[in-house]
Amino acid sequence: MDGGDRNIVRLSPAQRKWLERGLTQPGGKLPLFDSDGRKISQQVVKKCMDEGWAEPWFANHLKPDFMICKLTVSGRSALQEQVSS
């Protein structure tokens, strides 16, 4: 094989922005809100979790509808692949 069938990671701007914020946080914690104070889109969170770029960290007993996630090794790799491309 010539490597042409390798999956290419394609992060949307919203996914990239959210995941990048985990790079500087202890344990790779991902924020619940964007820099303007709006809740991160559930679509962004779900897609990143489906792709393995983020995973649940722990349950938020005060706000069960707020998923607290952390960046995964795959998420870090996806961000790095985008920079390398």
N, C-alpha and C. Protein backbone atom coordinates (compact mmCIF):
# COMPACT_ATOMS: atom_id res chain seq x y z
N MET A 1 0.84 -1.18 0.00
CA MET A 1 0.00 0.00 0.00
C MET A 1 0.88 1.24 0.00
N ASP A 2 0.40 2.29 -0.60
CA ASP A 2 1.18 3.52 -0.68
C ASP A 2 0.81 4.52 0.41
N GLY A 3 -0.06 4.14 1.35
CA GLY A 3 -0.47 5.05 2.43
C GLY A 3 -1.55 6.01 2.02
N GLY A 4 -2.05 5.89 0.79
CA GLY A 4 -3.06 6.82 0.30
C GLY A 4 -4.42 6.64 0.95
N ASP A 5 -4.63 5.49 1.59
CA ASP A 5 -5.93 5.27 2.21
C ASP A 5 -5.92 5.61 3.71
N ARG A 6 -4.89 6.28 4.16
CA ARG A 6 -4.82 6.70 5.56
C ARG A 6 -5.92 7.72 5.85
N ASN A 7 -6.59 7.54 6.98
CA ASN A 7 -7.64 8.49 7.35
C ASN A 7 -7.04 9.85 7.66
N ILE A 8 -7.58 10.87 7.05
CA ILE A 8 -7.12 12.22 7.29
C ILE A 8 -8.08 12.86 8.28
N VAL A 9 -7.51 13.40 9.35
CA VAL A 9 -8.32 14.03 10.38
C VAL A 9 -8.76 15.40 9.88
N ARG A 10 -10.04 15.67 9.97
CA ARG A 10 -10.59 16.96 9.57
C ARG A 10 -11.40 17.52 10.73
N LEU A 11 -10.78 18.41 11.46
CA LEU A 11 -11.47 19.07 12.57
C LEU A 11 -12.17 20.31 12.05
N SER A 12 -13.39 20.52 12.49
CA SER A 12 -14.06 21.77 12.15
C SER A 12 -13.41 22.88 12.98
N PRO A 13 -13.58 24.14 12.59
CA PRO A 13 -13.02 25.23 13.39
C PRO A 13 -13.51 25.20 14.84
N ALA A 14 -14.78 24.86 15.06
CA ALA A 14 -15.32 24.81 16.42
C ALA A 14 -14.69 23.66 17.21
N GLN A 15 -14.51 22.51 16.57
CA GLN A 15 -13.88 21.38 17.24
C GLN A 15 -12.44 21.70 17.61
N ARG A 16 -11.71 22.28 16.66
CA ARG A 16 -10.31 22.63 16.89
C ARG A 16 -10.19 23.62 18.05
N LYS A 17 -11.01 24.64 18.03
CA LYS A 17 -10.96 25.67 19.06
C LYS A 17 -11.22 25.07 20.45
N TRP A 18 -12.22 24.19 20.54
CA TRP A 18 -12.55 23.56 21.81
C TRP A 18 -11.42 22.65 22.28
N LEU A 19 -10.95 21.77 21.40
CA LEU A 19 -9.90 20.83 21.77
C LEU A 19 -8.60 21.53 22.13
N GLU A 20 -8.25 22.59 21.42
CA GLU A 20 -7.01 23.31 21.71
C GLU A 20 -6.99 23.88 23.12
N ARG A 21 -8.16 24.24 23.63
CA ARG A 21 -8.21 24.80 24.98
C ARG A 21 -7.82 23.77 26.03
N GLY A 22 -7.95 22.48 25.71
CA GLY A 22 -7.54 21.43 26.63
C GLY A 22 -6.03 21.25 26.71
N LEU A 23 -5.30 21.76 25.72
CA LEU A 23 -3.85 21.60 25.71
C LEU A 23 -3.17 22.29 26.88
N THR A 24 -3.73 23.36 27.37
CA THR A 24 -3.09 24.15 28.43
C THR A 24 -3.72 23.92 29.81
N GLN A 25 -4.70 23.03 29.90
CA GLN A 25 -5.38 22.80 31.17
C GLN A 25 -4.86 21.54 31.86
N PRO A 26 -4.83 21.54 33.20
CA PRO A 26 -4.40 20.35 33.91
C PRO A 26 -5.27 19.14 33.52
N GLY A 27 -4.61 18.04 33.19
CA GLY A 27 -5.33 16.83 32.81
C GLY A 27 -6.03 16.91 31.47
N GLY A 28 -5.84 18.00 30.74
CA GLY A 28 -6.49 18.17 29.44
C GLY A 28 -7.95 18.53 29.54
N LYS A 29 -8.36 19.10 30.70
CA LYS A 29 -9.78 19.46 30.91
C LYS A 29 -10.27 20.38 29.80
N LEU A 30 -11.42 20.03 29.26
CA LEU A 30 -12.05 20.84 28.21
C LEU A 30 -13.12 21.73 28.83
N PRO A 31 -13.24 22.95 28.32
CA PRO A 31 -14.18 23.90 28.94
C PRO A 31 -15.64 23.59 28.64
N LEU A 32 -16.48 24.05 29.54
CA LEU A 32 -17.93 23.94 29.35
C LEU A 32 -18.45 25.10 28.51
N PHE A 33 -17.72 26.22 28.54
CA PHE A 33 -18.16 27.45 27.87
C PHE A 33 -17.06 27.98 26.96
N ASP A 34 -17.47 28.66 25.90
CA ASP A 34 -16.49 29.28 25.01
C ASP A 34 -15.97 30.58 25.63
N SER A 35 -15.09 31.25 24.94
CA SER A 35 -14.47 32.48 25.47
C SER A 35 -15.47 33.62 25.60
N ASP A 36 -16.65 33.50 24.98
CA ASP A 36 -17.69 34.52 25.10
C ASP A 36 -18.73 34.15 26.16
N GLY A 37 -18.51 33.03 26.87
CA GLY A 37 -19.43 32.63 27.93
C GLY A 37 -20.61 31.78 27.49
N ARG A 38 -20.63 31.38 26.22
CA ARG A 38 -21.71 30.52 25.72
C ARG A 38 -21.33 29.05 25.92
N LYS A 39 -22.34 28.23 26.24
CA LYS A 39 -22.11 26.80 26.41
C LYS A 39 -21.60 26.21 25.11
N ILE A 40 -20.61 25.33 25.22
CA ILE A 40 -20.07 24.65 24.03
C ILE A 40 -21.19 23.81 23.42
N SER A 41 -21.32 23.85 22.12
CA SER A 41 -22.35 23.11 21.40
C SER A 41 -22.26 21.62 21.71
N GLN A 42 -23.41 21.03 22.01
CA GLN A 42 -23.46 19.59 22.25
C GLN A 42 -23.05 18.81 21.01
N GLN A 43 -23.28 19.37 19.83
CA GLN A 43 -22.86 18.71 18.59
C GLN A 43 -21.33 18.61 18.53
N VAL A 44 -20.65 19.67 18.94
CA VAL A 44 -19.18 19.66 18.95
C VAL A 44 -18.70 18.62 19.94
N VAL A 45 -19.25 18.63 21.15
CA VAL A 45 -18.85 17.68 22.18
C VAL A 45 -19.10 16.25 21.72
N LYS A 46 -20.29 15.97 21.19
CA LYS A 46 -20.64 14.61 20.76
C LYS A 46 -19.73 14.13 19.63
N LYS A 47 -19.49 14.97 18.64
CA LYS A 47 -18.64 14.57 17.51
C LYS A 47 -17.22 14.27 17.99
N CYS A 48 -16.70 15.12 18.86
CA CYS A 48 -15.35 14.90 19.37
C CYS A 48 -15.28 13.61 20.20
N MET A 49 -16.32 13.34 20.96
CA MET A 49 -16.35 12.09 21.73
C MET A 49 -16.50 10.89 20.80
N ASP A 50 -17.35 11.00 19.79
CA ASP A 50 -17.54 9.90 18.82
C ASP A 50 -16.23 9.57 18.10
N GLU A 51 -15.44 10.59 17.82
CA GLU A 51 -14.17 10.39 17.12
C GLU A 51 -13.04 9.95 18.06
N GLY A 52 -13.31 10.00 19.37
CA GLY A 52 -12.29 9.60 20.34
C GLY A 52 -11.32 10.71 20.70
N TRP A 53 -11.64 11.94 20.32
CA TRP A 53 -10.76 13.08 20.60
C TRP A 53 -10.98 13.64 22.00
N ALA A 54 -12.12 13.35 22.58
CA ALA A 54 -12.47 13.77 23.93
C ALA A 54 -13.19 12.62 24.61
N GLU A 55 -13.12 12.60 25.94
CA GLU A 55 -13.82 11.57 26.69
C GLU A 55 -14.36 12.17 27.98
N PRO A 56 -15.42 11.56 28.51
CA PRO A 56 -15.94 12.06 29.79
C PRO A 56 -14.87 11.96 30.86
N TRP A 57 -14.81 12.97 31.72
CA TRP A 57 -13.82 12.97 32.79
C TRP A 57 -14.48 12.55 34.10
N PHE A 58 -15.52 13.27 34.48
CA PHE A 58 -16.29 12.89 35.67
C PHE A 58 -17.67 13.50 35.58
N ALA A 59 -18.57 12.96 36.39
CA ALA A 59 -19.95 13.44 36.38
C ALA A 59 -20.06 14.77 37.12
N ASN A 60 -20.85 15.66 36.59
CA ASN A 60 -21.12 16.96 37.21
C ASN A 60 -22.45 16.83 37.95
N HIS A 61 -22.36 16.60 39.25
CA HIS A 61 -23.58 16.37 40.03
C HIS A 61 -24.43 17.62 40.19
N LEU A 62 -23.81 18.80 40.10
CA LEU A 62 -24.57 20.04 40.21
C LEU A 62 -25.34 20.35 38.94
N LYS A 63 -24.77 20.02 37.79
CA LYS A 63 -25.41 20.26 36.48
C LYS A 63 -25.23 19.00 35.64
N PRO A 64 -26.07 17.99 35.84
CA PRO A 64 -25.90 16.72 35.12
C PRO A 64 -25.94 16.84 33.60
N ASP A 65 -26.55 17.91 33.08
CA ASP A 65 -26.61 18.08 31.63
C ASP A 65 -25.32 18.67 31.06
N PHE A 66 -24.37 19.04 31.92
CA PHE A 66 -23.08 19.56 31.47
C PHE A 66 -22.05 18.43 31.52
N MET A 67 -21.62 17.98 30.36
CA MET A 67 -20.64 16.90 30.26
C MET A 67 -19.24 17.48 30.47
N ILE A 68 -18.55 17.01 31.51
CA ILE A 68 -17.18 17.46 31.76
C ILE A 68 -16.26 16.46 31.08
N CYS A 69 -15.49 16.97 30.10
CA CYS A 69 -14.65 16.11 29.27
C CYS A 69 -13.19 16.51 29.37
N LYS A 70 -12.35 15.59 28.90
CA LYS A 70 -10.93 15.88 28.81
C LYS A 70 -10.42 15.45 27.44
N LEU A 71 -9.35 16.06 27.04
CA LEU A 71 -8.69 15.75 25.78
C LEU A 71 -8.03 14.39 25.88
N THR A 72 -8.14 13.59 24.83
CA THR A 72 -7.51 12.27 24.81
C THR A 72 -6.19 12.34 24.03
N VAL A 73 -5.45 11.25 24.09
CA VAL A 73 -4.23 11.13 23.30
C VAL A 73 -4.57 11.27 21.81
N SER A 74 -5.69 10.67 21.39
CA SER A 74 -6.13 10.77 19.99
C SER A 74 -6.46 12.22 19.64
N GLY A 75 -7.05 12.94 20.59
CA GLY A 75 -7.36 14.36 20.37
C GLY A 75 -6.09 15.18 20.17
N ARG A 76 -5.10 14.91 21.00
CA ARG A 76 -3.81 15.61 20.85
C ARG A 76 -3.18 15.30 19.49
N SER A 77 -3.27 14.02 19.09
CA SER A 77 -2.73 13.61 17.78
C SER A 77 -3.48 14.29 16.64
N ALA A 78 -4.81 14.38 16.76
CA ALA A 78 -5.61 15.02 15.71
C ALA A 78 -5.20 16.48 15.56
N LEU A 79 -4.99 17.15 16.68
CA LEU A 79 -4.56 18.56 16.62
C LEU A 79 -3.19 18.67 15.97
N GLN A 80 -2.29 17.76 16.32
CA GLN A 80 -0.94 17.78 15.76
C GLN A 80 -0.95 17.48 14.27
N GLU A 81 -1.81 16.52 13.84
CA GLU A 81 -1.91 16.18 12.41
C GLU A 81 -2.38 17.39 11.61
N GLN A 82 -3.30 18.15 12.15
CA GLN A 82 -3.81 19.33 11.46
C GLN A 82 -2.71 20.36 11.27
N VAL A 83 -1.83 20.48 12.27
CA VAL A 83 -0.73 21.44 12.19
C VAL A 83 0.28 20.98 11.15
N SER A 84 0.50 19.66 11.09
CA SER A 84 1.49 19.09 10.17
C SER A 84 1.03 19.11 8.73
N SER A 85 -0.29 19.12 8.50
CA SER A 85 -0.83 19.02 7.14
C SER A 85 -0.63 20.29 6.35
